[in-house]
Amino acid sequence: MLLIFSVAAIALLSWLAGRLYPVQDGLTDERVHRNMVRTFPGESVTGILVDTARRVALVRLDGTAERLGLVTQPRDRIVCRVLARGDIDHVVPTKGGLRLTLDDFTQPAITFTADDALRASALGWLAAVTDANQGAQDQRENPGSGPAVTVPSQHKDSSHVA
């Protein structure tokens, strides 16, 4: 019983601290670069696109064009990851930016807020890690939905043993 109350008290204090002392600093090019290089020491950052809300950034990495860095700041933490083909299920342009649906249960969807120019740049960067041909087909089938880039998940069937 003491353990349950201790865990509940820690959770309550953490929530309260987050509400009383919210993180005011958004992502900047310098913070994105520093955190990406610290998380992935072997990577070289060649470009950064920070969304207008300063909560999400796309990072162009040196090397192959089929990988892209993603830096998010959900609350008081900065999360860095490298996206490759198959990690993004859908990219849908919205009125305020882009909606990325990821093949990840911890961050299933991310909103990249952007104006038209920034959205176009982000779509160009994302084209290398998504299937742009499928997005053009979706646009022809649903012309009012805006161009969508869809990538089917590439999960391997574990029931088939060779």
Protein backbone atom coordinates (compact mmCIF):
# COMPACT_ATOMS: atom_id res chain seq x y z
CA MET A 1 0.00 0.00 0.00
CA LEU A 2 2.86 2.35 0.80
CA LEU A 3 4.40 1.64 -2.59
CA ILE A 4 1.16 2.57 -4.40
CA PHE A 5 0.88 5.87 -2.52
CA SER A 6 4.56 6.64 -3.19
CA VAL A 7 4.17 6.09 -6.92
CA ALA A 8 0.98 8.17 -6.97
CA ALA A 9 2.70 11.00 -5.06
CA ILE A 10 5.65 11.02 -7.48
CA ALA A 11 3.30 11.07 -10.47
CA LEU A 12 1.29 13.92 -8.94
CA LEU A 13 4.39 15.97 -8.15
CA SER A 14 5.77 15.41 -11.66
CA TRP A 15 2.50 16.54 -13.23
CA LEU A 16 2.31 19.56 -10.92
CA ALA A 17 5.92 20.57 -11.67
CA GLY A 18 5.18 20.37 -15.40
CA ARG A 19 2.18 22.67 -14.98
CA LEU A 20 3.87 25.17 -12.68
CA TYR A 21 7.19 25.31 -14.56
CA PRO A 22 6.46 24.64 -18.24
CA VAL A 23 9.30 24.54 -20.74
CA GLN A 24 9.27 27.91 -22.48
CA ASP A 25 12.15 27.28 -24.86
CA GLY A 26 11.20 25.75 -28.17
CA LEU A 27 13.50 24.04 -30.60
CA THR A 28 16.13 26.11 -32.35
CA ASP A 29 18.62 25.07 -35.01
CA GLU A 30 21.38 25.02 -32.38
CA ARG A 31 19.39 22.88 -29.90
CA VAL A 32 18.34 20.46 -32.64
CA HIS A 33 21.90 20.10 -33.92
CA ARG A 34 23.37 19.66 -30.43
CA ASN A 35 20.82 17.01 -29.39
CA MET A 36 20.95 15.10 -32.67
CA VAL A 37 24.75 14.87 -32.61
CA ARG A 38 24.72 13.91 -28.93
CA THR A 39 22.12 11.17 -29.49
CA PHE A 40 23.69 9.86 -32.71
CA PRO A 41 27.43 10.65 -32.49
CA GLY A 42 28.26 9.10 -35.87
CA GLU A 43 25.78 11.28 -37.79
CA SER A 44 26.59 14.53 -39.55
CA VAL A 45 23.81 17.13 -39.74
CA THR A 46 23.61 18.93 -43.10
CA GLY A 47 20.28 20.74 -42.76
CA ILE A 48 17.50 21.50 -40.26
CA LEU A 49 13.84 22.45 -40.73
CA VAL A 50 12.15 23.57 -37.48
CA ASP A 51 8.35 23.85 -37.56
CA THR A 52 6.69 27.17 -36.76
CA ALA A 53 5.52 25.95 -33.33
CA ARG A 54 9.16 25.07 -32.52
CA ARG A 55 8.18 21.58 -31.30
CA VAL A 56 9.22 19.39 -34.27
CA ALA A 57 12.27 19.46 -36.54
CA LEU A 58 13.35 17.47 -39.56
CA VAL A 59 17.08 16.93 -39.86
CA ARG A 60 18.90 16.15 -43.10
CA LEU A 61 21.73 13.74 -42.42
CA ASP A 62 24.94 13.36 -44.40
CA GLY A 63 25.22 10.05 -46.14
CA THR A 64 22.19 8.42 -47.64
CA ALA A 65 19.12 10.43 -48.64
CA GLU A 66 16.82 7.62 -47.53
CA ARG A 67 17.24 8.51 -43.85
CA LEU A 68 16.02 11.61 -42.08
CA GLY A 69 16.41 12.79 -38.50
CA LEU A 70 13.32 13.69 -36.49
CA VAL A 71 13.57 15.76 -33.33
CA THR A 72 10.47 16.38 -31.21
CA GLN A 73 9.90 18.20 -27.95
CA PRO A 74 6.70 16.69 -26.54
CA ARG A 75 7.00 18.41 -23.15
CA ASP A 76 10.21 18.98 -21.22
CA ARG A 77 12.21 16.34 -23.10
CA ILE A 78 13.78 16.33 -26.53
CA VAL A 79 13.39 13.08 -28.44
CA CYS A 80 15.72 12.34 -31.37
CA ARG A 81 15.35 9.51 -33.85
CA VAL A 82 16.39 8.55 -37.35
CA LEU A 83 13.61 7.70 -39.80
CA ALA A 84 14.20 5.30 -42.67
CA ARG A 85 11.97 3.84 -45.35
CA GLY A 86 9.15 1.99 -43.60
CA ASP A 87 9.14 4.14 -40.45
CA ILE A 88 6.58 6.58 -41.86
CA ASP A 89 3.14 5.20 -42.72
CA HIS A 90 1.52 8.42 -44.02
CA VAL A 91 2.38 12.05 -44.62
CA VAL A 92 -0.69 14.22 -45.13
CA PRO A 93 -0.44 17.95 -45.85
CA THR A 94 -2.92 19.92 -43.76
CA LYS A 95 -3.95 23.55 -43.76
CA GLY A 96 -1.46 24.29 -40.98
CA GLY A 97 1.41 22.02 -42.03
CA LEU A 98 1.91 18.27 -42.18
CA ARG A 99 0.59 15.26 -40.27
CA LEU A 100 3.08 12.39 -40.05
CA THR A 101 1.78 8.97 -39.06
CA LEU A 102 4.67 6.83 -37.85
CA ASP A 103 5.06 3.10 -37.42
CA ASP A 104 5.77 3.60 -33.71
CA PHE A 105 3.45 3.08 -30.76
CA THR A 106 5.30 5.62 -28.60
CA GLN A 107 4.77 8.47 -31.09
CA PRO A 108 2.11 7.30 -33.54
CA ALA A 109 1.47 10.72 -35.09
CA ILE A 110 3.32 14.02 -35.25
CA THR A 111 2.07 17.39 -36.44
CA PHE A 112 4.61 19.58 -38.23
CA THR A 113 3.15 23.10 -38.27
CA ALA A 114 4.32 25.12 -41.24
CA ASP A 115 3.47 27.76 -43.80
CA ASP A 116 3.32 26.83 -47.49
CA ALA A 117 7.04 27.31 -48.19
CA LEU A 118 8.20 25.36 -45.14
CA ARG A 119 5.65 22.60 -45.86
CA ALA A 120 6.94 22.29 -49.44
CA SER A 121 10.54 21.99 -48.18
CA ALA A 122 9.55 19.37 -45.61
CA LEU A 123 7.64 17.37 -48.24
CA GLY A 124 10.75 17.43 -50.42
CA TRP A 125 12.88 16.07 -47.61
CA LEU A 126 10.28 13.44 -46.69
CA ALA A 127 9.98 12.22 -50.29
CA ALA A 128 13.26 10.31 -49.95
CA VAL A 129 11.97 8.20 -47.04
CA THR A 130 8.42 7.75 -48.32
CA ASP A 131 6.80 6.42 -51.47
CA ALA A 132 5.90 9.58 -53.41
CA ASN A 133 4.30 7.59 -56.23
CA GLN A 134 1.69 6.24 -53.82
CA GLY A 135 0.98 9.80 -52.67
CA ALA A 136 0.29 10.91 -56.24
CA GLN A 137 -2.10 7.96 -56.67
CA ASP A 138 -3.92 8.93 -53.43
CA GLN A 139 -4.26 12.49 -54.73
CA ARG A 140 -5.90 11.25 -57.95
CA GLU A 141 -8.29 9.02 -55.98
CA ASN A 142 -9.17 11.70 -53.36
CA PRO A 143 -8.54 15.10 -54.99
CA GLY A 144 -9.92 17.13 -52.06
CA SER A 145 -7.73 15.50 -49.44
CA GLY A 146 -4.48 17.16 -50.45
CA PRO A 147 -1.44 15.20 -51.54
CA ALA A 148 -0.80 12.29 -49.23
CA VAL A 149 2.26 10.13 -49.15
CA THR A 150 1.53 6.59 -48.03
CA VAL A 151 4.02 3.91 -47.19
CA PRO A 152 2.79 0.42 -46.35
CA SER A 153 4.35 -1.07 -43.24
CA GLN A 154 7.14 -3.49 -43.98
CA HIS A 155 6.60 -5.88 -41.10
CA LYS A 156 7.92 -9.37 -41.60
CA ASP A 157 5.59 -12.28 -41.07
CA SER A 158 7.06 -14.12 -38.10
CA SER A 159 4.83 -17.15 -38.61
CA HIS A 160 6.64 -18.14 -41.81
CA VAL A 161 9.89 -19.94 -41.10
CA ALA A 162 12.18 -20.76 -44.01
